[in-house]
């Protein structure tokens, strides 16, 4: 299952296909968790978080942890521009 938690991107408009700000129709955290719960009930084995740039979502780690707790394996597709020397540890904390 491919899940686009953020349709926004930090890249210049020439390189992105969605606006920088939250777009209409994006799920909030509670809606995202409900959707993930539904996916777990359907026995979806893997969620690929992509986008836009999924690391722009403030609740990405919360959603990823929740999916992992539901028994769903995770994958992340990022352009990598938001991963810095001080941030990698924030994204390697899930034992999925």
N, C-alpha and C. Protein backbone atom coordinates (compact mmCIF):
# COMPACT_ATOMS: atom_id res chain seq x y z
N UNK A 1 0.85 -1.17 0.00
CA UNK A 1 0.00 0.00 0.00
C UNK A 1 0.89 1.23 0.00
N UNK A 2 0.69 2.13 -0.91
CA UNK A 2 1.44 3.38 -0.94
C UNK A 2 0.56 4.47 -0.35
N UNK A 3 1.09 5.15 0.65
CA UNK A 3 0.35 6.21 1.35
C UNK A 3 1.11 7.51 1.20
N UNK A 4 0.44 8.52 0.72
CA UNK A 4 1.05 9.83 0.55
C UNK A 4 0.60 10.72 1.71
N UNK A 5 1.32 10.68 2.85
CA UNK A 5 0.88 11.45 4.00
C UNK A 5 1.03 12.95 3.83
N UNK A 6 1.84 13.38 2.90
CA UNK A 6 2.03 14.81 2.67
C UNK A 6 2.15 15.05 1.18
N UNK A 7 1.27 15.84 0.64
CA UNK A 7 1.35 16.18 -0.77
C UNK A 7 2.21 17.42 -0.97
N UNK A 8 2.70 17.98 0.11
CA UNK A 8 3.51 19.20 0.03
C UNK A 8 4.98 18.85 -0.15
N UNK A 9 5.75 19.82 -0.62
CA UNK A 9 7.17 19.62 -0.85
C UNK A 9 7.91 20.91 -0.54
N UNK A 10 9.17 20.77 -0.13
CA UNK A 10 9.99 21.94 0.15
C UNK A 10 10.81 22.36 -1.06
N UNK A 11 10.72 21.60 -2.14
CA UNK A 11 11.53 21.88 -3.32
C UNK A 11 10.92 23.02 -4.15
N UNK A 12 11.74 23.68 -4.97
CA UNK A 12 11.23 24.76 -5.83
C UNK A 12 10.09 24.25 -6.71
N UNK A 13 9.20 25.13 -7.09
CA UNK A 13 7.99 24.74 -7.80
C UNK A 13 8.27 23.98 -9.09
N UNK A 14 9.39 24.21 -9.73
CA UNK A 14 9.73 23.50 -10.95
C UNK A 14 9.87 22.00 -10.69
N UNK A 15 10.29 21.63 -9.48
CA UNK A 15 10.57 20.24 -9.15
C UNK A 15 9.46 19.57 -8.35
N UNK A 16 8.41 20.27 -7.99
CA UNK A 16 7.37 19.66 -7.18
C UNK A 16 6.03 19.76 -7.89
N UNK A 17 5.12 18.92 -7.48
CA UNK A 17 3.81 18.91 -8.13
C UNK A 17 2.69 19.32 -7.20
N UNK A 18 3.00 19.73 -6.00
CA UNK A 18 2.00 20.19 -5.04
C UNK A 18 2.52 21.42 -4.31
N UNK A 19 1.61 22.19 -3.71
CA UNK A 19 2.05 23.39 -2.98
C UNK A 19 2.79 23.05 -1.70
N UNK A 20 3.52 24.06 -1.16
CA UNK A 20 4.27 23.85 0.08
C UNK A 20 3.36 23.68 1.29
N UNK A 21 2.20 24.28 1.28
CA UNK A 21 1.31 24.22 2.45
C UNK A 21 0.40 23.00 2.36
N UNK A 22 -0.25 22.68 3.48
CA UNK A 22 -1.17 21.55 3.55
C UNK A 22 -2.26 21.73 2.50
N UNK A 23 -2.52 20.68 1.76
CA UNK A 23 -3.54 20.76 0.73
C UNK A 23 -4.87 20.25 1.25
N UNK A 24 -5.94 20.74 0.66
CA UNK A 24 -7.28 20.29 1.03
C UNK A 24 -7.37 18.78 0.83
N UNK A 25 -7.97 18.12 1.77
CA UNK A 25 -8.14 16.68 1.66
C UNK A 25 -7.07 15.86 2.35
N UNK A 26 -5.98 16.49 2.80
CA UNK A 26 -4.99 15.74 3.57
C UNK A 26 -5.59 15.33 4.90
N UNK A 27 -5.28 14.12 5.30
CA UNK A 27 -5.79 13.61 6.58
C UNK A 27 -5.04 14.24 7.74
N UNK A 28 -5.78 14.50 8.83
CA UNK A 28 -5.09 14.90 10.05
C UNK A 28 -4.63 13.62 10.75
N UNK A 29 -4.01 13.75 11.91
CA UNK A 29 -3.43 12.59 12.60
C UNK A 29 -4.48 11.54 12.93
N UNK A 30 -5.59 11.96 13.47
CA UNK A 30 -6.64 11.00 13.85
C UNK A 30 -7.18 10.27 12.62
N UNK A 31 -7.41 10.99 11.54
CA UNK A 31 -7.89 10.36 10.30
C UNK A 31 -6.84 9.39 9.75
N UNK A 32 -5.57 9.79 9.83
CA UNK A 32 -4.50 8.92 9.37
C UNK A 32 -4.45 7.63 10.16
N UNK A 33 -4.59 7.73 11.48
CA UNK A 33 -4.57 6.53 12.33
C UNK A 33 -5.78 5.64 12.03
N UNK A 34 -6.95 6.24 11.83
CA UNK A 34 -8.13 5.45 11.48
C UNK A 34 -7.92 4.72 10.16
N UNK A 35 -7.32 5.40 9.18
CA UNK A 35 -7.05 4.79 7.89
C UNK A 35 -6.05 3.64 8.05
N UNK A 36 -5.01 3.86 8.82
CA UNK A 36 -4.01 2.81 9.07
C UNK A 36 -4.66 1.62 9.78
N UNK A 37 -5.53 1.89 10.73
CA UNK A 37 -6.25 0.82 11.43
C UNK A 37 -7.06 0.00 10.43
N UNK A 38 -7.75 0.68 9.50
CA UNK A 38 -8.50 -0.02 8.46
C UNK A 38 -7.58 -0.88 7.59
N UNK A 39 -6.42 -0.33 7.22
CA UNK A 39 -5.47 -1.10 6.42
C UNK A 39 -5.02 -2.35 7.16
N UNK A 40 -4.78 -2.22 8.46
CA UNK A 40 -4.37 -3.37 9.27
C UNK A 40 -5.46 -4.43 9.29
N UNK A 41 -6.71 -4.01 9.38
CA UNK A 41 -7.82 -4.96 9.37
C UNK A 41 -7.89 -5.71 8.04
N UNK A 42 -7.48 -5.06 6.96
CA UNK A 42 -7.46 -5.69 5.65
C UNK A 42 -6.16 -6.48 5.42
N UNK A 43 -5.32 -6.56 6.47
CA UNK A 43 -4.07 -7.32 6.41
C UNK A 43 -3.09 -6.78 5.37
N UNK A 44 -3.06 -5.45 5.20
CA UNK A 44 -2.06 -4.84 4.33
C UNK A 44 -0.70 -5.05 4.97
N UNK A 45 0.27 -5.65 4.26
CA UNK A 45 1.55 -5.99 4.90
C UNK A 45 2.55 -4.84 4.99
N UNK A 46 2.47 -3.87 4.06
CA UNK A 46 3.47 -2.81 3.99
C UNK A 46 2.81 -1.50 3.61
N UNK A 47 3.27 -0.42 4.25
CA UNK A 47 2.87 0.93 3.84
C UNK A 47 4.14 1.66 3.42
N UNK A 48 4.09 2.25 2.23
CA UNK A 48 5.16 3.12 1.76
C UNK A 48 4.70 4.56 1.97
N UNK A 49 5.36 5.27 2.87
CA UNK A 49 5.08 6.69 3.09
C UNK A 49 5.87 7.47 2.04
N UNK A 50 5.15 8.17 1.18
CA UNK A 50 5.81 8.98 0.15
C UNK A 50 5.05 10.30 0.03
N UNK A 51 5.13 10.96 -1.08
CA UNK A 51 4.42 12.24 -1.16
C UNK A 51 4.54 12.87 -2.52
N UNK A 52 4.64 14.12 -2.52
CA UNK A 52 5.33 15.21 -1.87
C UNK A 52 6.51 14.70 -1.04
N UNK A 53 6.73 15.37 0.02
CA UNK A 53 7.82 15.03 0.94
C UNK A 53 7.22 14.64 2.28
N UNK A 54 7.18 13.33 2.61
CA UNK A 54 6.54 12.88 3.84
C UNK A 54 7.18 13.43 5.11
N UNK A 55 8.48 13.78 5.06
CA UNK A 55 9.14 14.29 6.26
C UNK A 55 8.66 15.69 6.65
N UNK A 56 7.86 16.33 5.81
CA UNK A 56 7.28 17.63 6.18
C UNK A 56 6.13 17.48 7.17
N UNK A 57 5.58 16.28 7.28
CA UNK A 57 4.49 16.07 8.24
C UNK A 57 5.05 16.01 9.64
N UNK A 58 4.54 16.85 10.51
CA UNK A 58 4.98 16.86 11.90
C UNK A 58 4.63 15.56 12.63
N UNK A 59 3.60 14.86 12.15
CA UNK A 59 3.15 13.64 12.83
C UNK A 59 3.60 12.37 12.12
N UNK A 60 4.56 12.46 11.21
CA UNK A 60 4.98 11.27 10.46
C UNK A 60 5.47 10.15 11.38
N UNK A 61 6.31 10.48 12.35
CA UNK A 61 6.81 9.44 13.25
C UNK A 61 5.68 8.82 14.07
N UNK A 62 4.73 9.63 14.48
CA UNK A 62 3.58 9.11 15.23
C UNK A 62 2.78 8.14 14.36
N UNK A 63 2.53 8.52 13.10
CA UNK A 63 1.80 7.63 12.19
C UNK A 63 2.60 6.37 11.90
N UNK A 64 3.91 6.50 11.73
CA UNK A 64 4.76 5.34 11.46
C UNK A 64 4.78 4.39 12.65
N UNK A 65 4.91 4.94 13.85
CA UNK A 65 4.88 4.09 15.06
C UNK A 65 3.55 3.35 15.16
N UNK A 66 2.47 4.09 14.90
CA UNK A 66 1.15 3.50 15.00
C UNK A 66 1.00 2.35 13.99
N UNK A 67 1.46 2.57 12.77
CA UNK A 67 1.38 1.52 11.75
C UNK A 67 2.20 0.30 12.19
N UNK A 68 3.38 0.54 12.72
CA UNK A 68 4.23 -0.56 13.20
C UNK A 68 3.53 -1.33 14.32
N UNK A 69 2.90 -0.61 15.22
CA UNK A 69 2.17 -1.25 16.32
C UNK A 69 1.01 -2.10 15.81
N UNK A 70 0.49 -1.77 14.63
CA UNK A 70 -0.60 -2.53 14.02
C UNK A 70 -0.08 -3.74 13.25
N UNK A 71 1.25 -3.92 13.25
CA UNK A 71 1.85 -5.06 12.57
C UNK A 71 2.14 -4.81 11.10
N UNK A 72 2.15 -3.57 10.69
CA UNK A 72 2.41 -3.23 9.29
C UNK A 72 3.88 -2.81 9.15
N UNK A 73 4.57 -3.40 8.17
CA UNK A 73 5.95 -2.99 7.88
C UNK A 73 5.91 -1.64 7.18
N UNK A 74 7.00 -0.90 7.29
CA UNK A 74 7.04 0.46 6.77
C UNK A 74 8.18 0.66 5.79
N UNK A 75 7.94 1.57 4.84
CA UNK A 75 8.98 2.04 3.93
C UNK A 75 8.79 3.54 3.79
N UNK A 76 9.87 4.24 3.53
CA UNK A 76 9.83 5.70 3.41
C UNK A 76 10.52 6.10 2.11
N UNK A 77 9.82 6.89 1.31
CA UNK A 77 10.40 7.43 0.08
C UNK A 77 10.54 8.94 0.26
N UNK A 78 11.77 9.40 0.40
CA UNK A 78 12.04 10.81 0.63
C UNK A 78 13.09 11.29 -0.35
N UNK A 79 13.08 12.59 -0.63
CA UNK A 79 14.14 13.14 -1.48
C UNK A 79 15.41 13.38 -0.67
N UNK A 80 15.32 13.26 0.66
CA UNK A 80 16.48 13.32 1.53
C UNK A 80 16.96 14.71 1.90
N UNK A 81 16.35 15.76 1.37
CA UNK A 81 16.85 17.10 1.64
C UNK A 81 16.63 17.55 3.07
N UNK A 82 15.72 16.92 3.80
CA UNK A 82 15.44 17.32 5.18
C UNK A 82 16.21 16.50 6.20
N UNK A 83 16.98 15.53 5.75
CA UNK A 83 17.79 14.72 6.65
C UNK A 83 19.15 15.39 6.78
N UNK A 84 19.48 15.77 8.00
CA UNK A 84 20.73 16.47 8.27
C UNK A 84 21.55 15.66 9.28
N UNK A 85 22.73 16.18 9.62
CA UNK A 85 23.57 15.49 10.61
C UNK A 85 22.86 15.36 11.96
N UNK A 86 21.99 16.29 12.28
CA UNK A 86 21.31 16.25 13.57
C UNK A 86 19.97 15.52 13.52
N UNK A 87 19.44 15.25 12.34
CA UNK A 87 18.12 14.63 12.27
C UNK A 87 18.09 13.13 12.03
N UNK A 88 19.12 12.47 11.49
CA UNK A 88 18.95 11.06 11.15
C UNK A 88 18.46 10.19 12.29
N UNK A 89 18.90 10.43 13.50
CA UNK A 89 18.47 9.64 14.64
C UNK A 89 16.97 9.69 14.86
N UNK A 90 16.34 10.77 14.46
CA UNK A 90 14.90 10.88 14.59
C UNK A 90 14.16 9.90 13.71
N UNK A 91 14.79 9.46 12.63
CA UNK A 91 14.11 8.60 11.67
C UNK A 91 14.53 7.15 11.76
N UNK A 92 15.46 6.83 12.64
CA UNK A 92 15.94 5.46 12.74
C UNK A 92 15.56 4.88 14.10
N UNK A 93 14.45 5.30 14.64
CA UNK A 93 14.06 4.85 15.98
C UNK A 93 13.03 3.75 15.97
N UNK A 94 12.52 3.41 14.79
CA UNK A 94 11.50 2.37 14.72
C UNK A 94 12.16 1.03 14.43
N UNK A 95 11.82 0.03 15.19
CA UNK A 95 12.31 -1.31 14.94
C UNK A 95 11.21 -2.08 14.25
N UNK A 96 11.14 -1.91 12.95
CA UNK A 96 10.02 -2.47 12.18
C UNK A 96 10.44 -3.70 11.44
